[in-house]
Amino acid sequence: MVRGEEYETSIDVHTPSVARMCDWLLGGVDNYLSDREACAELLEIAPSAQSLARSNRSFLGRAVKVLAEQYGVEQFIDHGSGLPTQDNVHQVAQRVNQNCRVVYIDNDPLVLAHGRTRLEENANVAVIQADIRDTKAIFGHGETQRLIQHNCRTAALFVSVLHCIPDADDGRGPAALIQRTAKELRELGPGNFVVICQLISDDPAVRRKVTRLMARKTGNSWGRVRERSEVQAFFSGLQILEPGLVDVVDWRPDSPPPPAELRTRDWAEWGGLGQL
């Protein structure tokens, strides 16, 4: 059964939501005019945004399948899960092992509403509405306690979400979030995993323009587009799985990745998998 606790019920249709923008970029219908207008402006700055969203979704599916199939991961905690779409984490994982358990976390009230009504009835799935930076609340939540067991291989997913978190010196920045999550995973047992990718660009103008646009459109519910070296620092203390930290289209692809001349030039989703 899909469960969770809702701490906010109002949906602001006038302020774009990252989850709803991503839904539109993936071809979904759970979005509003404000989201579509924001996407149109985003595409003017970074025309590859739509293909980037799709390649990122494909990476998520591959990463979950590899973790379940090759590393025996049975538990997934999906931070910033977004709106339900095809091949959600639990569907990919449970095709490998029907006993896989998934906790989805997002702070968008529409995600919780659709999670409750659209995700199939499944005792091994829960949806929690929470700030993904609140690690203590997430791991202490009743649904997390119900589903996430000790000494069972676990993966924490941070797929295309850390660019939504601003830098901070008070422990609420992305690097500190990964370290807190790694600490909780170590307490669950050895050999657990973290999946990280986020938007990067070698072009300072793209980094600046996208960051400003998204901060303005989302009411400052945004972090920033970063550089490769900054994302690499998120993996501090983790053993990085092959093929290393890469453009996500190059992470164990199911089919030949696009040649250089067909790659996105403005920005990319960059990251990989780390093991504790």
Protein backbone atom coordinates (compact mmCIF):
# COMPACT_ATOMS: atom_id res chain seq x y z
CA MET A 1 0.00 0.00 0.00
CA VAL A 2 1.26 3.49 -0.79
CA ARG A 3 1.34 5.44 2.43
CA GLY A 4 2.74 8.63 3.86
CA GLU A 5 1.96 11.67 5.96
CA GLU A 6 1.01 14.95 4.33
CA TYR A 7 2.23 18.09 6.04
CA GLU A 8 0.99 20.49 3.36
CA THR A 9 -2.12 20.19 1.25
CA SER A 10 -2.20 23.41 -0.78
CA ILE A 11 -0.83 23.31 -4.31
CA ASP A 12 0.46 26.63 -5.66
CA VAL A 13 -0.41 26.47 -9.35
CA HIS A 14 1.08 29.92 -10.03
CA THR A 15 4.63 29.17 -8.87
CA PRO A 16 6.49 26.58 -10.96
CA SER A 17 7.52 23.38 -9.21
CA VAL A 18 10.68 21.49 -10.12
CA ALA A 19 8.75 18.20 -9.93
CA ARG A 20 6.01 19.47 -12.25
CA MET A 21 8.52 21.02 -14.67
CA CYS A 22 10.32 17.70 -14.87
CA ASP A 23 6.97 16.00 -15.46
CA TRP A 24 6.34 18.26 -18.46
CA LEU A 25 9.85 17.71 -19.83
CA LEU A 26 9.21 13.95 -19.64
CA GLY A 27 5.94 14.30 -21.54
CA GLY A 28 3.63 14.07 -18.52
CA VAL A 29 0.35 15.86 -17.91
CA ASP A 30 0.58 16.58 -14.17
CA ASN A 31 1.68 20.20 -14.58
CA TYR A 32 0.24 23.69 -14.87
CA LEU A 33 0.62 26.70 -17.13
CA SER A 34 3.24 28.24 -14.83
CA ASP A 35 5.36 25.09 -15.12
CA ARG A 36 5.08 24.99 -18.91
CA GLU A 37 5.97 28.67 -19.23
CA ALA A 38 9.01 28.17 -17.00
CA CYS A 39 10.08 25.19 -19.15
CA ALA A 40 9.76 27.32 -22.27
CA GLU A 41 12.13 29.89 -20.79
CA LEU A 42 14.49 27.15 -19.67
CA LEU A 43 14.59 25.68 -23.18
CA GLU A 44 15.58 29.09 -24.56
CA ILE A 45 18.66 29.07 -22.33
CA ALA A 46 19.44 25.34 -22.53
CA PRO A 47 17.67 23.77 -25.55
CA SER A 48 18.69 20.25 -24.53
CA ALA A 49 16.72 20.33 -21.26
CA GLN A 50 14.08 17.92 -22.53
CA SER A 51 16.51 15.30 -23.83
CA LEU A 52 18.53 15.73 -20.64
CA ALA A 53 15.50 14.91 -18.50
CA ARG A 54 14.86 11.76 -20.50
CA SER A 55 18.46 10.55 -20.39
CA ASN A 56 18.51 11.19 -16.66
CA ARG A 57 15.37 9.10 -16.19
CA SER A 58 16.99 6.31 -18.17
CA PHE A 59 20.09 6.50 -15.95
CA LEU A 60 17.92 6.17 -12.85
CA GLY A 61 16.37 2.99 -14.23
CA ARG A 62 19.75 1.49 -15.15
CA ALA A 63 21.27 2.33 -11.79
CA VAL A 64 18.39 0.76 -9.86
CA LYS A 65 18.45 -2.36 -12.04
CA VAL A 66 22.21 -2.79 -11.66
CA LEU A 67 22.04 -2.30 -7.90
CA ALA A 68 19.22 -4.82 -7.49
CA GLU A 69 20.53 -7.34 -10.00
CA GLN A 70 24.30 -7.23 -9.51
CA TYR A 71 24.74 -5.97 -5.95
CA GLY A 72 21.73 -7.45 -4.19
CA VAL A 73 20.23 -4.13 -3.11
CA GLU A 74 16.72 -4.67 -1.74
CA GLN A 75 15.98 -1.24 -0.24
CA PHE A 76 15.90 2.14 -1.97
CA ILE A 77 15.38 5.60 -0.50
CA ASP A 78 14.58 7.97 -3.37
CA HIS A 79 15.26 11.59 -2.37
CA GLY A 80 13.35 14.09 -4.51
CA SER A 81 11.44 11.36 -6.31
CA GLY A 82 9.18 13.64 -8.34
CA LEU A 83 5.84 12.73 -9.86
CA PRO A 84 5.11 9.09 -10.71
CA THR A 85 5.89 8.16 -14.29
CA GLN A 86 6.63 4.95 -16.17
CA ASP A 87 9.24 2.63 -14.71
CA ASN A 88 9.34 4.10 -11.23
CA VAL A 89 12.05 2.90 -8.88
CA HIS A 90 9.89 0.25 -7.24
CA GLN A 91 8.78 -1.13 -10.60
CA VAL A 92 12.34 -1.48 -11.88
CA ALA A 93 13.60 -2.98 -8.62
CA GLN A 94 10.69 -5.36 -8.12
CA ARG A 95 11.08 -6.78 -11.61
CA VAL A 96 14.44 -8.03 -10.35
CA ASN A 97 13.27 -8.94 -6.85
CA GLN A 98 9.61 -8.68 -5.88
CA ASN A 99 10.62 -8.16 -2.26
CA CYS A 100 12.45 -4.88 -2.92
CA ARG A 101 11.25 -2.00 -0.75
CA VAL A 102 11.16 1.68 -1.73
CA VAL A 103 10.64 4.90 0.21
CA TYR A 104 9.92 7.91 -2.00
CA ILE A 105 10.56 11.41 -0.59
CA ASP A 106 9.50 14.76 -2.03
CA ASN A 107 8.28 18.09 -0.65
CA ASP A 108 5.77 18.79 -3.43
CA PRO A 109 2.20 18.12 -2.19
CA LEU A 110 1.18 17.02 -5.70
CA VAL A 111 3.77 14.24 -5.55
CA LEU A 112 2.20 12.86 -2.40
CA ALA A 113 -1.32 13.15 -3.82
CA HIS A 114 -0.43 11.33 -7.01
CA GLY A 115 1.73 8.84 -5.17
CA ARG A 116 -1.28 7.82 -3.13
CA THR A 117 -3.68 7.59 -6.03
CA ARG A 118 -1.58 6.45 -8.98
CA LEU A 119 1.14 4.17 -7.69
CA GLU A 120 -0.07 0.61 -7.57
CA GLU A 121 -1.11 -0.84 -4.25
CA ASN A 122 2.09 -2.24 -2.85
CA ALA A 123 2.95 -3.03 0.75
CA ASN A 124 6.64 -2.48 -0.01
CA VAL A 125 6.28 1.14 -1.15
CA ALA A 126 5.81 4.34 0.84
CA VAL A 127 5.66 8.02 -0.10
CA ILE A 128 6.84 10.59 2.43
CA GLN A 129 6.39 14.32 2.00
CA ALA A 130 9.47 15.90 3.55
CA ASP A 131 12.40 18.21 2.97
CA ILE A 132 15.13 15.89 1.67
CA ARG A 133 17.64 17.76 3.85
CA ASP A 134 15.88 16.59 7.00
CA THR A 135 17.79 13.31 7.23
CA LYS A 136 16.88 12.66 10.84
CA ALA A 137 13.15 12.98 10.15
CA ILE A 138 13.38 10.80 7.02
CA PHE A 139 15.25 7.92 8.64
CA GLY A 140 13.16 8.26 11.80
CA HIS A 141 9.85 8.33 9.95
CA GLY A 142 7.48 5.48 10.71
CA GLU A 143 7.29 4.37 7.09
CA THR A 144 11.08 4.34 6.74
CA GLN A 145 11.31 2.37 9.96
CA ARG A 146 8.71 -0.05 8.61
CA LEU A 147 10.39 -0.69 5.28
CA ILE A 148 14.13 -0.10 5.69
CA GLN A 149 15.71 -2.96 7.61
CA HIS A 150 19.15 -3.31 9.19
CA ASN A 151 21.76 -5.51 7.53
CA CYS A 152 19.99 -5.43 4.20
CA ARG A 153 21.65 -3.79 1.19
CA THR A 154 20.33 -0.24 0.80
CA ALA A 155 20.78 2.53 -1.75
CA ALA A 156 20.06 6.22 -1.21
CA LEU A 157 19.17 7.93 -4.48
CA PHE A 158 19.93 11.60 -5.17
CA VAL A 159 19.19 11.65 -8.88
CA SER A 160 18.93 15.10 -10.47
CA VAL A 161 17.99 16.73 -7.18
CA LEU A 162 21.11 18.21 -5.53
CA HIS A 163 21.07 21.19 -7.91
CA CYS A 164 17.81 22.11 -6.16
CA ILE A 165 19.71 22.58 -2.88
CA PRO A 166 21.60 25.83 -2.26
CA ASP A 167 25.05 25.91 -0.76
CA ALA A 168 25.04 26.51 2.98
CA ASP A 169 27.47 26.66 5.88
CA ASP A 170 24.89 25.48 8.42
CA GLY A 171 24.86 21.79 7.46
CA ARG A 172 21.97 22.15 5.01
CA GLY A 173 24.07 22.16 1.84
CA PRO A 174 24.31 19.17 -0.52
CA ALA A 175 27.72 17.90 0.63
CA ALA A 176 26.63 17.83 4.27
CA LEU A 177 23.38 16.12 3.26
CA ILE A 178 25.29 13.30 1.55
CA GLN A 179 27.55 12.88 4.58
CA ARG A 180 24.57 12.67 6.95
CA THR A 181 22.87 10.14 4.71
CA ALA A 182 26.08 8.09 4.49
CA LYS A 183 26.24 8.03 8.28
CA GLU A 184 22.68 6.69 8.48
CA LEU A 185 23.45 4.08 5.82
CA ARG A 186 26.52 2.91 7.73
CA GLU A 187 24.37 2.44 10.80
CA LEU A 188 22.10 0.16 8.75
CA GLY A 189 25.04 -2.08 7.87
CA PRO A 190 28.11 -2.34 5.63
CA GLY A 191 28.33 -2.05 1.85
CA ASN A 192 25.44 0.31 1.17
CA PHE A 193 25.28 2.69 -1.79
CA VAL A 194 24.65 6.29 -2.77
CA VAL A 195 23.58 7.32 -6.29
CA ILE A 196 24.32 10.94 -7.18
CA CYS A 197 23.97 13.00 -10.32
CA GLN A 198 23.26 16.66 -10.84
CA LEU A 199 23.29 19.35 -13.49
CA ILE A 200 26.75 20.61 -14.45
CA SER A 201 28.03 22.94 -17.13
CA ASP A 202 31.46 24.02 -18.32
CA ASP A 203 29.92 27.28 -19.50
CA PRO A 204 29.75 29.93 -16.73
CA ALA A 205 27.01 31.77 -18.64
CA VAL A 206 24.79 28.66 -18.72
CA ARG A 207 25.41 28.02 -15.03
CA ARG A 208 24.53 31.60 -14.18
CA LYS A 209 21.48 31.95 -16.46
CA VAL A 210 19.85 28.63 -15.54
CA THR A 211 20.47 29.19 -11.84
CA ARG A 212 18.97 32.68 -11.95
CA LEU A 213 15.96 31.56 -13.98
CA MET A 214 15.14 28.63 -11.73
CA ALA A 215 15.63 30.64 -8.53
CA ARG A 216 13.32 33.37 -9.86
CA LYS A 217 10.65 31.00 -11.17
CA THR A 218 10.53 28.70 -8.14
CA GLY A 219 10.61 31.39 -5.47
CA ASN A 220 14.22 30.55 -4.60
CA SER A 221 13.46 26.85 -4.17
CA TRP A 222 16.63 26.09 -6.07
CA GLY A 223 20.36 25.68 -5.63
CA ARG A 224 22.59 26.03 -8.66
CA VAL A 225 24.14 24.36 -11.66
CA ARG A 226 27.59 23.23 -10.55
CA GLU A 227 30.95 22.15 -11.96
CA ARG A 228 32.29 18.60 -12.18
CA SER A 229 34.78 19.11 -9.37
CA GLU A 230 32.01 20.18 -7.02
CA VAL A 231 29.94 17.08 -7.73
CA GLN A 232 33.02 14.90 -7.37
CA ALA A 233 33.44 16.30 -3.85
CA PHE A 234 30.01 14.89 -2.93
CA PHE A 235 31.52 11.41 -3.30
CA SER A 236 34.15 11.99 -0.62
CA GLY A 237 34.63 8.79 1.41
CA LEU A 238 32.80 6.63 -1.15
CA GLN A 239 34.24 3.94 -3.40
CA ILE A 240 33.11 4.92 -6.89
CA LEU A 241 31.79 2.09 -9.05
CA GLU A 242 32.86 1.65 -12.66
CA PRO A 243 32.81 3.47 -15.03
CA GLY A 244 33.42 6.28 -12.54
CA LEU A 245 31.84 9.71 -12.57
CA VAL A 246 30.55 10.46 -16.05
CA ASP A 247 27.82 12.04 -18.13
CA VAL A 248 24.90 9.79 -17.18
CA VAL A 249 24.41 8.67 -20.80
CA ASP A 250 27.79 6.92 -20.45
CA TRP A 251 26.95 5.10 -17.21
CA ARG A 252 26.59 1.41 -18.20
CA PRO A 253 24.35 2.20 -21.20
CA ASP A 254 21.93 -0.37 -22.60
CA SER A 255 22.71 0.82 -26.14
CA PRO A 256 25.57 2.82 -27.67
CA PRO A 257 25.56 6.35 -26.23
CA PRO A 258 25.33 9.30 -28.64
CA PRO A 259 28.54 10.30 -30.44
CA ALA A 260 30.29 13.51 -29.48
CA GLU A 261 28.69 15.56 -32.25
CA LEU A 262 25.20 14.67 -30.98
CA ARG A 263 25.90 15.34 -27.30
CA THR A 264 24.40 18.24 -25.43
CA ARG A 265 26.86 21.12 -25.42
CA ASP A 266 25.24 23.48 -22.96
CA TRP A 267 25.05 21.27 -19.86
CA ALA A 268 24.83 17.67 -18.68
CA GLU A 269 23.72 15.40 -15.85
CA TRP A 270 26.95 14.16 -14.29
CA GLY A 271 27.61 11.65 -11.54
CA GLY A 272 27.65 7.96 -10.72
CA LEU A 273 27.39 5.39 -7.93
CA GLY A 274 29.40 5.23 -4.73
CA GLN A 275 29.63 2.45 -2.16
CA LEU A 276 30.28 2.96 1.54
